[in-house]
Each structure stands twice: as C-alpha cells, then as structure tokens.
Amino acid sequence: MKHRKLSQRQKWGIFFISPWVIFFLVFQIYPFLLAFKNSFLDINILQPEKARFVGFWNWIQAAADPLFWKSMFNICYNQAIYIVLSFIIGLTFALLLKEVLSKGGIFRTIYFLPVITSITVAMIVFKYISSPTGPIQALMLQWGMIKEPVFWASTKWLPMPVIAVFNSWKWFGVYMLIFLGGLVSINQQLYEAADIDGAGWLNKFFRITIPLLKPQIVFVLTMNIINGLQMFTEVLMTFDLYGGRYNSALTPVLYMYAKAFDKMEMGDASALGLLLGLIIYTLTMVQMKLLNRGTEEV
C-alpha cells in the first residue's frame, strides 16, 4: 500500500500546530497522568523515592475530608452571590451599551479595563479600599451604614461575599461582551412587532430578550461556576493556606495546594485535584446539555 506524501500546505499546517500539541502534551496530559498515578500512592514531595502504593485510600480520604467539603460549601456560598451580581451588572451594562450609537467602543474599553488589569494589583487595591481604614468603610461610617470598622477578613461569614463583590467588578466586562453579542444578534423586527402590539419595556425584556439570550445565560452561569471552583489567587493573597480564621475563605484549589506544598501529601492532593476535575467535568456536561436544548428550543 502506497503512503501518500504530505503536501506543502499540510506540512506547514503540522508545523504551525505542533507548538500547541507539544504544550498540550507537556502541560496537560503529562500532569494529568502523573496526578492519576500519585493519587494511588502515599508520596512525600521531598522524598518521592519512599512512595508506597495505597490503592484507593487517598480517594476515600478525599471524599470524606470535611475541610474539602467545607471548601465546596464556601464556593457555593460565594457563587450564589457572585452569579447574581455578575449577571445583573453584565446584562445591565450590555443593555445600556446596545443603546449607545456613538462612541460605544470607548465605553466598552473602559468597562473592560478591570478584566485586563492584573488580578494581583487589583486585589492589593481592593484590600486597601475595603480595609477598616479604607475609603469604603469610611463612607459607610459617615453615612451610618455601620457603627464601627469591620475586619471582614477575620469574620465567619463575610470573606466570601466580599470576594464575590471583588470578582463581580473584576470580571463583569467579559459577561457584558457575551450578553452584548447576544443582544445584537436578536432580530429587531421582534421588538418592532411587540411595539405595534403595545408591549411595554418589561414585557419585551422578559418575553423576548431573556428567552433569546438563553444560550448566553446558560454559558455565563456555567462559566461562573467552573471559574469559581478554581478560585485561588484572590484568597491566597488575603488569607493563609487554610482560608483564614474559621476556614471561611478556604477553596478547593487552595486546600489542594496546602495539602501538596504545606503538608507535603502529594497523593492526597492529587486525589483532591482529580475529584475536583470530576465535579467540573460533570458541571460542563450539564451545561452542554442545557445549552444544546436551549438552542434547539429557540
């Protein structure tokens, strides 16, 4: 059987795609296989030669670890606030920008600036302005909203809502652009027909805009959940490796990092990481089904 020679165009295609393939194999596939192997071992990162096989013990410990499920509760608590805020802010600005006919690009750029700002720099600034001596609490004291400065990082229930507010400001520009793309794609004749029938703004919003934005809404909600499950930098910069007092800011990725590099329990950390990956995969599959069903209905 003759082997067909590759054309010059195919050779160039392989050449240009090879960096991505190498990156994927080295930084995605290899770490995954290594983590899968380590999840069945009792291994110390400083003494890998003393590793021993423990079977599914790391997986059992991960599934029964109260701190892991505490971190999952923290994320759910955070996301319940973050999803609502990011959805409302992103959709509101998208609706406003849709009506801006002139210099809309300037406003889109301004609103997108928080997204391209380094999260490290943004978090340092946010920590200052939200601290007991910062301008936000000074205004709240002046307006009588609080009686005394609040050390929110040391409380039991405030860390996750405060971080949710920060992330809503940091990332609303992404969701704004996604919603704006969906709004622009809606056939304007539907709104004109609704105007002829005497429909008000609220009727048009809930009967035309929201139903036709269903694919974007499902995508944004799912992306929020997945990104939330991987939250790391925000809490690491503000708290210790275990989420501060009461573990109130502990997240799954932060806990996995603490297990691997503080307790040196790489086997447990690998099992936790793969368990988190399974959770993210399940949510992604649910998102795909909802998105496809929403698209078919529209």
C-alpha atoms as a PDB file:
ATOM      1  CA  MET A   1       0.000   0.000   0.000  1.00  0.00           C
ATOM      2  CA  LYS A   2       1.377   3.370  -1.031  1.00  0.00           C
ATOM      3  CA  HIS A   3       1.679   6.165   1.507  1.00  0.00           C
ATOM      4  CA  ARG A   4       0.506   9.441   0.141  1.00  0.00           C
ATOM      5  CA  LYS A   5       3.047  12.208   0.593  1.00  0.00           C
ATOM      6  CA  LEU A   6       2.055  15.251   2.552  1.00  0.00           C
ATOM      7  CA  SER A   7       1.524  18.383   0.534  1.00  0.00           C
ATOM      8  CA  GLN A   8       3.457  21.544   1.277  1.00  0.00           C
ATOM      9  CA  ARG A   9       0.318  23.082   2.773  1.00  0.00           C
ATOM     10  CA  GLN A  10      -0.200  20.101   5.101  1.00  0.00           C
ATOM     11  CA  LYS A  11       3.423  20.252   6.231  1.00  0.00           C
ATOM     12  CA  TRP A  12       3.043  23.938   7.106  1.00  0.00           C
ATOM     13  CA  GLY A  13      -0.176  23.112   8.953  1.00  0.00           C
ATOM     14  CA  ILE A  14       1.601  20.485  11.070  1.00  0.00           C
ATOM     15  CA  PHE A  15       4.467  22.913  11.690  1.00  0.00           C
ATOM     16  CA  PHE A  16       2.182  25.664  12.995  1.00  0.00           C
ATOM     17  CA  ILE A  17       0.019  23.368  15.116  1.00  0.00           C
ATOM     18  CA  SER A  18       2.947  21.471  16.655  1.00  0.00           C
ATOM     19  CA  PRO A  19       3.700  24.095  19.403  1.00  0.00           C
ATOM     20  CA  TRP A  20       0.142  23.786  20.705  1.00  0.00           C
ATOM     21  CA  VAL A  21       0.272  19.968  20.546  1.00  0.00           C
ATOM     22  CA  ILE A  22       3.593  19.932  22.442  1.00  0.00           C
ATOM     23  CA  PHE A  23       2.221  22.385  25.022  1.00  0.00           C
ATOM     24  CA  PHE A  24      -0.911  20.254  25.460  1.00  0.00           C
ATOM     25  CA  LEU A  25       1.059  17.038  25.908  1.00  0.00           C
ATOM     26  CA  VAL A  26       3.646  18.527  28.300  1.00  0.00           C
ATOM     27  CA  PHE A  27       1.437  20.779  30.439  1.00  0.00           C
ATOM     28  CA  GLN A  28      -1.932  18.992  30.248  1.00  0.00           C
ATOM     29  CA  ILE A  29      -1.656  15.287  29.504  1.00  0.00           C
ATOM     30  CA  TYR A  30       1.582  14.575  31.404  1.00  0.00           C
ATOM     31  CA  PRO A  31       0.477  16.350  34.645  1.00  0.00           C
ATOM     32  CA  PHE A  32      -2.876  14.569  34.458  1.00  0.00           C
ATOM     33  CA  LEU A  33      -1.242  11.138  34.120  1.00  0.00           C
ATOM     34  CA  LEU A  34       1.249  11.982  36.888  1.00  0.00           C
ATOM     35  CA  ALA A  35      -1.554  13.139  39.213  1.00  0.00           C
ATOM     36  CA  PHE A  36      -3.545   9.993  38.418  1.00  0.00           C
ATOM     37  CA  LYS A  37      -0.546   7.829  39.336  1.00  0.00           C
ATOM     38  CA  ASN A  38       0.172   9.820  42.504  1.00  0.00           C
ATOM     39  CA  SER A  39      -3.434   9.541  43.649  1.00  0.00           C
ATOM     40  CA  PHE A  40      -2.784   5.846  44.391  1.00  0.00           C
ATOM     41  CA  LEU A  41       0.462   6.488  46.271  1.00  0.00           C
ATOM     42  CA  ASP A  42       1.470   7.706  49.704  1.00  0.00           C
ATOM     43  CA  ILE A  43       4.134  10.088  48.472  1.00  0.00           C
ATOM     44  CA  ASN A  44       6.018  12.980  50.048  1.00  0.00           C
ATOM     45  CA  ILE A  45       7.103  15.608  47.554  1.00  0.00           C
ATOM     46  CA  LEU A  46      10.507  15.880  49.267  1.00  0.00           C
ATOM     47  CA  GLN A  47      11.070  12.108  49.401  1.00  0.00           C
ATOM     48  CA  PRO A  48       9.488  10.644  46.238  1.00  0.00           C
ATOM     49  CA  GLU A  49      11.727   7.558  46.415  1.00  0.00           C
ATOM     50  CA  LYS A  50       9.866   6.424  49.569  1.00  0.00           C
ATOM     51  CA  ALA A  51       6.480   6.388  47.852  1.00  0.00           C
ATOM     52  CA  ARG A  52       4.275   3.359  48.522  1.00  0.00           C
ATOM     53  CA  PHE A  53       1.103   2.081  46.899  1.00  0.00           C
ATOM     54  CA  VAL A  54      -2.066   2.608  48.995  1.00  0.00           C
ATOM     55  CA  GLY A  55      -4.773   1.824  46.435  1.00  0.00           C
ATOM     56  CA  PHE A  56      -7.942   3.886  46.737  1.00  0.00           C
ATOM     57  CA  TRP A  57      -7.162   5.131  50.256  1.00  0.00           C
ATOM     58  CA  ASN A  58      -6.363   8.684  49.052  1.00  0.00           C
ATOM     59  CA  TRP A  59      -9.656   8.791  47.135  1.00  0.00           C
ATOM     60  CA  ILE A  60     -11.595   7.615  50.184  1.00  0.00           C
ATOM     61  CA  GLN A  61      -9.891  10.229  52.350  1.00  0.00           C
ATOM     62  CA  ALA A  62     -10.581  12.942  49.778  1.00  0.00           C
ATOM     63  CA  ALA A  63     -14.277  12.064  49.536  1.00  0.00           C
ATOM     64  CA  ALA A  64     -14.599  12.019  53.353  1.00  0.00           C
ATOM     65  CA  ASP A  65     -12.433  15.069  54.078  1.00  0.00           C
ATOM     66  CA  PRO A  66     -14.561  17.633  55.990  1.00  0.00           C
ATOM     67  CA  LEU A  67     -12.259  20.510  55.005  1.00  0.00           C
ATOM     68  CA  PHE A  68     -12.710  19.677  51.318  1.00  0.00           C
ATOM     69  CA  TRP A  69     -16.480  19.816  51.647  1.00  0.00           C
ATOM     70  CA  LYS A  70     -16.141  22.960  53.757  1.00  0.00           C
ATOM     71  CA  SER A  71     -14.260  24.494  50.830  1.00  0.00           C
ATOM     72  CA  MET A  72     -17.040  23.356  48.461  1.00  0.00           C
ATOM     73  CA  PHE A  73     -19.624  24.983  50.732  1.00  0.00           C
ATOM     74  CA  ASN A  74     -17.585  28.212  50.704  1.00  0.00           C
ATOM     75  CA  ILE A  75     -17.530  28.199  46.913  1.00  0.00           C
ATOM     76  CA  CYS A  76     -21.287  27.574  46.696  1.00  0.00           C
ATOM     77  CA  TYR A  77     -21.855  30.434  49.150  1.00  0.00           C
ATOM     78  CA  ASN A  78     -19.549  32.682  47.135  1.00  0.00           C
ATOM     79  CA  GLN A  79     -21.082  31.750  43.793  1.00  0.00           C
ATOM     80  CA  ALA A  80     -24.659  32.266  44.991  1.00  0.00           C
ATOM     81  CA  ILE A  81     -23.744  35.946  45.451  1.00  0.00           C
ATOM     82  CA  TYR A  82     -21.271  36.279  42.589  1.00  0.00           C
ATOM     83  CA  ILE A  83     -23.543  34.771  39.929  1.00  0.00           C
ATOM     84  CA  VAL A  84     -26.402  37.128  40.796  1.00  0.00           C
ATOM     85  CA  LEU A  85     -24.147  40.209  40.883  1.00  0.00           C
ATOM     86  CA  SER A  86     -22.196  39.401  37.702  1.00  0.00           C
ATOM     87  CA  PHE A  87     -25.399  38.527  35.834  1.00  0.00           C
ATOM     88  CA  ILE A  88     -27.183  41.742  36.830  1.00  0.00           C
ATOM     89  CA  ILE A  89     -24.164  44.024  36.256  1.00  0.00           C
ATOM     90  CA  GLY A  90     -23.097  42.379  32.989  1.00  0.00           C
ATOM     91  CA  LEU A  91     -26.592  42.339  31.474  1.00  0.00           C
ATOM     92  CA  THR A  92     -27.359  45.888  32.645  1.00  0.00           C
ATOM     93  CA  PHE A  93     -24.244  47.340  31.011  1.00  0.00           C
ATOM     94  CA  ALA A  94     -24.854  45.261  27.880  1.00  0.00           C
ATOM     95  CA  LEU A  95     -28.375  46.705  27.580  1.00  0.00           C
ATOM     96  CA  LEU A  96     -27.016  50.221  28.070  1.00  0.00           C
ATOM     97  CA  LEU A  97     -24.226  49.789  25.512  1.00  0.00           C
ATOM     98  CA  LYS A  98     -26.673  48.395  22.971  1.00  0.00           C
ATOM     99  CA  GLU A  99     -28.467  51.738  23.041  1.00  0.00           C
ATOM    100  CA  VAL A 100     -25.250  53.779  22.670  1.00  0.00           C
ATOM    101  CA  LEU A 101     -24.890  54.565  18.994  1.00  0.00           C
ATOM    102  CA  SER A 102     -21.881  56.895  19.118  1.00  0.00           C
ATOM    103  CA  LYS A 103     -18.573  56.267  20.909  1.00  0.00           C
ATOM    104  CA  GLY A 104     -19.778  52.898  22.177  1.00  0.00           C
ATOM    105  CA  GLY A 105     -16.271  51.486  21.677  1.00  0.00           C
ATOM    106  CA  ILE A 106     -14.872  53.937  24.233  1.00  0.00           C
ATOM    107  CA  PHE A 107     -17.336  52.779  26.883  1.00  0.00           C
ATOM    108  CA  ARG A 108     -16.690  49.099  26.078  1.00  0.00           C
ATOM    109  CA  THR A 109     -12.962  49.700  26.523  1.00  0.00           C
ATOM    110  CA  ILE A 110     -13.444  51.488  29.848  1.00  0.00           C
ATOM    111  CA  TYR A 111     -15.735  48.771  31.202  1.00  0.00           C
ATOM    112  CA  PHE A 112     -13.311  46.066  30.066  1.00  0.00           C
ATOM    113  CA  LEU A 113     -10.291  47.609  31.814  1.00  0.00           C
ATOM    114  CA  PRO A 114     -10.796  45.659  35.093  1.00  0.00           C
ATOM    115  CA  VAL A 115     -10.597  42.402  33.131  1.00  0.00           C
ATOM    116  CA  ILE A 116      -7.151  43.167  31.684  1.00  0.00           C
ATOM    117  CA  THR A 117      -5.868  44.545  34.993  1.00  0.00           C
ATOM    118  CA  SER A 118      -3.570  42.142  36.839  1.00  0.00           C
ATOM    119  CA  ILE A 119      -5.591  40.306  39.470  1.00  0.00           C
ATOM    120  CA  THR A 120      -2.681  40.731  41.898  1.00  0.00           C
ATOM    121  CA  VAL A 121      -2.673  44.512  41.503  1.00  0.00           C
ATOM    122  CA  ALA A 122      -6.472  44.675  41.599  1.00  0.00           C
ATOM    123  CA  MET A 123      -6.614  42.611  44.799  1.00  0.00           C
ATOM    124  CA  ILE A 124      -3.994  44.780  46.531  1.00  0.00           C
ATOM    125  CA  VAL A 125      -6.008  47.908  45.726  1.00  0.00           C
ATOM    126  CA  PHE A 126      -9.273  46.243  46.760  1.00  0.00           C
ATOM    127  CA  LYS A 127      -7.811  45.074  50.080  1.00  0.00           C
ATOM    128  CA  TYR A 128      -6.839  48.662  50.867  1.00  0.00           C
ATOM    129  CA  ILE A 129     -10.099  50.348  49.899  1.00  0.00           C
ATOM    130  CA  SER A 130     -12.193  47.701  51.730  1.00  0.00           C
ATOM    131  CA  SER A 131      -9.999  47.600  54.864  1.00  0.00           C
ATOM    132  CA  PRO A 132     -11.175  49.105  58.194  1.00  0.00           C
ATOM    133  CA  THR A 133      -9.096  52.215  57.399  1.00  0.00           C
ATOM    134  CA  GLY A 134     -10.046  52.351  53.724  1.00  0.00           C
ATOM    135  CA  PRO A 135     -12.372  54.807  51.955  1.00  0.00           C
ATOM    136  CA  ILE A 136     -15.294  52.379  51.560  1.00  0.00           C
ATOM    137  CA  GLN A 137     -15.730  51.769  55.273  1.00  0.00           C
ATOM    138  CA  ALA A 138     -15.053  55.458  55.970  1.00  0.00           C
ATOM    139  CA  LEU A 139     -18.023  56.371  53.767  1.00  0.00           C
ATOM    140  CA  MET A 140     -20.175  53.659  55.338  1.00  0.00           C
ATOM    141  CA  LEU A 141     -19.370  55.038  58.796  1.00  0.00           C
ATOM    142  CA  GLN A 142     -20.139  58.564  57.639  1.00  0.00           C
ATOM    143  CA  TRP A 143     -23.496  57.511  56.178  1.00  0.00           C
ATOM    144  CA  GLY A 144     -24.398  55.461  59.258  1.00  0.00           C
ATOM    145  CA  MET A 145     -24.419  52.114  57.436  1.00  0.00           C
ATOM    146  CA  ILE A 146     -22.057  50.593  60.012  1.00  0.00           C
ATOM    147  CA  LYS A 147     -21.342  51.580  63.613  1.00  0.00           C
ATOM    148  CA  GLU A 148     -17.656  50.657  63.689  1.00  0.00           C
ATOM    149  CA  PRO A 149     -14.975  49.440  61.256  1.00  0.00           C
ATOM    150  CA  VAL A 150     -15.355  45.808  60.227  1.00  0.00           C
ATOM    151  CA  PHE A 151     -12.398  43.447  59.972  1.00  0.00           C
ATOM    152  CA  TRP A 152     -14.177  41.357  57.357  1.00  0.00           C
ATOM    153  CA  ALA A 153     -11.238  39.016  56.722  1.00  0.00           C
ATOM    154  CA  SER A 154     -11.461  37.726  60.309  1.00  0.00           C
ATOM    155  CA  THR A 155     -15.207  37.128  60.395  1.00  0.00           C
ATOM    156  CA  LYS A 156     -17.031  33.850  59.782  1.00  0.00           C
ATOM    157  CA  TRP A 157     -19.450  34.840  57.017  1.00  0.00           C
ATOM    158  CA  LEU A 158     -18.114  37.999  55.323  1.00  0.00           C
ATOM    159  CA  PRO A 159     -14.984  36.833  53.426  1.00  0.00           C
ATOM    160  CA  MET A 160     -16.824  35.054  50.619  1.00  0.00           C
ATOM    161  CA  PRO A 161     -19.406  37.824  49.987  1.00  0.00           C
ATOM    162  CA  VAL A 162     -16.631  40.443  49.889  1.00  0.00           C
ATOM    163  CA  ILE A 163     -14.597  38.348  47.442  1.00  0.00           C
ATOM    164  CA  ALA A 164     -17.766  37.867  45.374  1.00  0.00           C
ATOM    165  CA  VAL A 165     -18.134  41.654  45.122  1.00  0.00           C
ATOM    166  CA  PHE A 166     -14.490  41.965  44.038  1.00  0.00           C
ATOM    167  CA  ASN A 167     -14.846  39.269  41.358  1.00  0.00           C
ATOM    168  CA  SER A 168     -18.092  40.808  40.108  1.00  0.00           C
ATOM    169  CA  TRP A 169     -16.258  44.092  39.493  1.00  0.00           C
ATOM    170  CA  LYS A 170     -13.188  42.329  38.056  1.00  0.00           C
ATOM    171  CA  TRP A 171     -14.952  40.120  35.513  1.00  0.00           C
ATOM    172  CA  PHE A 172     -18.252  41.795  34.630  1.00  0.00           C
ATOM    173  CA  GLY A 173     -16.687  43.109  31.393  1.00  0.00           C
ATOM    174  CA  VAL A 174     -16.434  39.572  29.996  1.00  0.00           C
ATOM    175  CA  TYR A 175     -20.087  38.812  30.657  1.00  0.00           C
ATOM    176  CA  MET A 176     -21.086  42.237  29.359  1.00  0.00           C
ATOM    177  CA  LEU A 177     -19.500  41.459  25.971  1.00  0.00           C
ATOM    178  CA  ILE A 178     -21.093  37.990  25.851  1.00  0.00           C
ATOM    179  CA  PHE A 179     -24.539  39.434  26.571  1.00  0.00           C
ATOM    180  CA  LEU A 180     -23.933  42.305  24.146  1.00  0.00           C
ATOM    181  CA  GLY A 181     -23.142  39.828  21.366  1.00  0.00           C
ATOM    182  CA  GLY A 182     -26.382  38.002  22.130  1.00  0.00           C
ATOM    183  CA  LEU A 183     -28.421  41.214  22.199  1.00  0.00           C
ATOM    184  CA  VAL A 184     -27.053  42.376  18.843  1.00  0.00           C
ATOM    185  CA  SER A 185     -27.970  39.036  17.252  1.00  0.00           C
ATOM    186  CA  ILE A 186     -31.663  39.324  18.239  1.00  0.00           C
ATOM    187  CA  ASN A 187     -33.887  40.202  15.293  1.00  0.00           C
ATOM    188  CA  GLN A 188     -35.069  43.782  15.817  1.00  0.00           C
ATOM    189  CA  GLN A 189     -38.316  43.040  13.995  1.00  0.00           C
ATOM    190  CA  LEU A 190     -39.462  41.134  17.074  1.00  0.00           C
ATOM    191  CA  TYR A 191     -39.232  44.323  19.136  1.00  0.00           C
ATOM    192  CA  GLU A 192     -40.988  46.313  16.416  1.00  0.00           C
ATOM    193  CA  ALA A 193     -43.832  43.798  16.329  1.00  0.00           C
ATOM    194  CA  ALA A 194     -44.078  43.969  20.124  1.00  0.00           C
ATOM    195  CA  ASP A 195     -44.249  47.781  19.942  1.00  0.00           C
ATOM    196  CA  ILE A 196     -47.129  47.545  17.472  1.00  0.00           C
ATOM    197  CA  ASP A 197     -48.940  45.206  19.881  1.00  0.00           C
ATOM    198  CA  GLY A 198     -48.446  47.758  22.660  1.00  0.00           C
ATOM    199  CA  ALA A 199     -45.956  45.759  24.731  1.00  0.00           C
ATOM    200  CA  GLY A 200     -44.068  47.685  27.406  1.00  0.00           C
ATOM    201  CA  TRP A 201     -40.347  47.565  28.152  1.00  0.00           C
ATOM    202  CA  LEU A 202     -40.720  44.917  30.867  1.00  0.00           C
ATOM    203  CA  ASN A 203     -42.844  42.673  28.649  1.00  0.00           C
ATOM    204  CA  LYS A 204     -40.302  42.890  25.841  1.00  0.00           C
ATOM    205  CA  PHE A 205     -37.457  42.197  28.257  1.00  0.00           C
ATOM    206  CA  PHE A 206     -38.971  39.072  29.841  1.00  0.00           C
ATOM    207  CA  ARG A 207     -40.770  37.706  26.747  1.00  0.00           C
ATOM    208  CA  ILE A 208     -38.218  38.472  24.019  1.00  0.00           C
ATOM    209  CA  THR A 209     -34.798  39.422  25.399  1.00  0.00           C
ATOM    210  CA  ILE A 210     -34.407  36.854  28.190  1.00  0.00           C
ATOM    211  CA  PRO A 211     -35.714  33.822  26.199  1.00  0.00           C
ATOM    212  CA  LEU A 212     -33.494  34.638  23.206  1.00  0.00           C
ATOM    213  CA  LEU A 213     -30.471  35.144  25.470  1.00  0.00           C
ATOM    214  CA  LYS A 214     -30.884  31.674  26.964  1.00  0.00           C
ATOM    215  CA  PRO A 215     -27.731  30.185  25.344  1.00  0.00           C
ATOM    216  CA  GLN A 216     -25.612  33.101  26.603  1.00  0.00           C
ATOM    217  CA  ILE A 217     -27.190  32.949  30.069  1.00  0.00           C
ATOM    218  CA  VAL A 218     -26.539  29.208  30.440  1.00  0.00           C
ATOM    219  CA  PHE A 219     -22.960  29.650  29.225  1.00  0.00           C
ATOM    220  CA  VAL A 220     -22.272  32.555  31.596  1.00  0.00           C
ATOM    221  CA  LEU A 221     -23.768  30.767  34.607  1.00  0.00           C
ATOM    222  CA  THR A 222     -21.786  27.598  33.919  1.00  0.00           C
ATOM    223  CA  MET A 223     -18.561  29.502  33.286  1.00  0.00           C
ATOM    224  CA  ASN A 224     -19.059  31.320  36.586  1.00  0.00           C
ATOM    225  CA  ILE A 225     -19.423  28.038  38.453  1.00  0.00           C
ATOM    226  CA  ILE A 226     -16.370  26.454  36.821  1.00  0.00           C
ATOM    227  CA  ASN A 227     -14.188  29.517  37.416  1.00  0.00           C
ATOM    228  CA  GLY A 228     -15.433  29.713  40.992  1.00  0.00           C
ATOM    229  CA  LEU A 229     -14.410  26.125  41.675  1.00  0.00           C
ATOM    230  CA  GLN A 230     -10.895  27.060  40.560  1.00  0.00           C
ATOM    231  CA  MET A 231     -10.621  30.239  42.662  1.00  0.00           C
ATOM    232  CA  PHE A 232      -7.139  30.584  44.099  1.00  0.00           C
ATOM    233  CA  THR A 233      -5.266  33.883  43.734  1.00  0.00           C
ATOM    234  CA  GLU A 234      -7.844  36.084  45.451  1.00  0.00           C
ATOM    235  CA  VAL A 235      -7.928  34.021  48.643  1.00  0.00           C
ATOM    236  CA  LEU A 236      -4.187  33.243  48.693  1.00  0.00           C
ATOM    237  CA  MET A 237      -3.356  36.963  48.663  1.00  0.00           C
ATOM    238  CA  THR A 238      -5.729  37.765  51.520  1.00  0.00           C
ATOM    239  CA  PHE A 239      -5.710  34.701  53.771  1.00  0.00           C
ATOM    240  CA  ASP A 240      -3.422  31.854  54.786  1.00  0.00           C
ATOM    241  CA  LEU A 241      -3.350  28.458  53.064  1.00  0.00           C
ATOM    242  CA  TYR A 242      -6.399  27.302  55.021  1.00  0.00           C
ATOM    243  CA  GLY A 243      -8.714  30.217  54.358  1.00  0.00           C
ATOM    244  CA  GLY A 244      -8.043  32.221  57.492  1.00  0.00           C
ATOM    245  CA  ARG A 245      -9.948  32.015  60.729  1.00  0.00           C
ATOM    246  CA  TYR A 246     -12.857  29.513  60.671  1.00  0.00           C
ATOM    247  CA  ASN A 247     -11.599  28.337  57.222  1.00  0.00           C
ATOM    248  CA  SER A 248     -14.164  30.831  55.951  1.00  0.00           C
ATOM    249  CA  ALA A 249     -12.284  31.566  52.707  1.00  0.00           C
ATOM    250  CA  LEU A 250     -10.952  28.076  52.016  1.00  0.00           C
ATOM    251  CA  THR A 251     -11.440  26.963  48.408  1.00  0.00           C
ATOM    252  CA  PRO A 252     -10.856  23.517  46.842  1.00  0.00           C
ATOM    253  CA  VAL A 253      -7.781  24.611  44.873  1.00  0.00           C
ATOM    254  CA  LEU A 254      -6.305  26.431  47.879  1.00  0.00           C
ATOM    255  CA  TYR A 255      -6.826  23.332  50.024  1.00  0.00           C
ATOM    256  CA  MET A 256      -5.276  21.129  47.355  1.00  0.00           C
ATOM    257  CA  TYR A 257      -2.263  23.477  47.244  1.00  0.00           C
ATOM    258  CA  ALA A 258      -1.944  23.355  51.055  1.00  0.00           C
ATOM    259  CA  LYS A 259      -2.088  19.567  51.030  1.00  0.00           C
ATOM    260  CA  ALA A 260       0.650  19.319  48.407  1.00  0.00           C
ATOM    261  CA  PHE A 261       3.092  22.020  49.489  1.00  0.00           C
ATOM    262  CA  ASP A 262       2.376  22.593  53.190  1.00  0.00           C
ATOM    263  CA  LYS A 263       1.602  19.103  54.450  1.00  0.00           C
ATOM    264  CA  MET A 264       3.653  17.520  51.640  1.00  0.00           C
ATOM    265  CA  GLU A 265       0.884  14.982  50.986  1.00  0.00           C
ATOM    266  CA  MET A 266       1.062  14.826  47.197  1.00  0.00           C
ATOM    267  CA  GLY A 267      -1.053  11.681  46.979  1.00  0.00           C
ATOM    268  CA  ASP A 268      -3.954  13.281  48.851  1.00  0.00           C
ATOM    269  CA  ALA A 269      -3.580  16.487  46.821  1.00  0.00           C
ATOM    270  CA  SER A 270      -3.662  14.518  43.552  1.00  0.00           C
ATOM    271  CA  ALA A 271      -6.834  12.695  44.595  1.00  0.00           C
ATOM    272  CA  LEU A 272      -8.443  16.015  45.601  1.00  0.00           C
ATOM    273  CA  GLY A 273      -7.471  17.562  42.266  1.00  0.00           C
ATOM    274  CA  LEU A 274      -8.927  14.684  40.258  1.00  0.00           C
ATOM    275  CA  LEU A 275     -12.094  14.701  42.374  1.00  0.00           C
ATOM    276  CA  LEU A 276     -12.453  18.413  41.661  1.00  0.00           C
ATOM    277  CA  GLY A 277     -11.862  17.694  37.980  1.00  0.00           C
ATOM    278  CA  LEU A 278     -14.695  15.151  38.014  1.00  0.00           C
ATOM    279  CA  ILE A 279     -17.014  17.732  39.562  1.00  0.00           C
ATOM    280  CA  ILE A 280     -16.051  20.326  36.940  1.00  0.00           C
ATOM    281  CA  TYR A 281     -16.496  17.761  34.153  1.00  0.00           C
ATOM    282  CA  THR A 282     -19.984  16.866  35.415  1.00  0.00           C
ATOM    283  CA  LEU A 283     -20.991  20.535  35.507  1.00  0.00           C
ATOM    284  CA  THR A 284     -19.613  21.040  31.995  1.00  0.00           C
ATOM    285  CA  MET A 285     -21.666  18.144  30.645  1.00  0.00           C
ATOM    286  CA  VAL A 286     -24.803  19.537  32.285  1.00  0.00           C
ATOM    287  CA  GLN A 287     -24.001  22.930  30.738  1.00  0.00           C
ATOM    288  CA  MET A 288     -23.617  21.393  27.261  1.00  0.00           C
ATOM    289  CA  LYS A 289     -26.982  19.643  27.522  1.00  0.00           C
ATOM    290  CA  LEU A 290     -28.731  22.775  28.738  1.00  0.00           C
ATOM    291  CA  LEU A 291     -27.074  24.890  26.061  1.00  0.00           C
ATOM    292  CA  ASN A 292     -27.973  22.494  23.240  1.00  0.00           C
ATOM    293  CA  ARG A 293     -31.548  22.119  24.497  1.00  0.00           C
ATOM    294  CA  GLY A 294     -31.888  25.918  24.785  1.00  0.00           C
ATOM    295  CA  THR A 295     -30.575  26.412  21.258  1.00  0.00           C
ATOM    296  CA  GLU A 296     -32.982  23.817  19.824  1.00  0.00           C
ATOM    297  CA  GLU A 297     -35.954  25.423  21.582  1.00  0.00           C
ATOM    298  CA  VAL A 298     -35.023  28.900  20.285  1.00  0.00           C
END
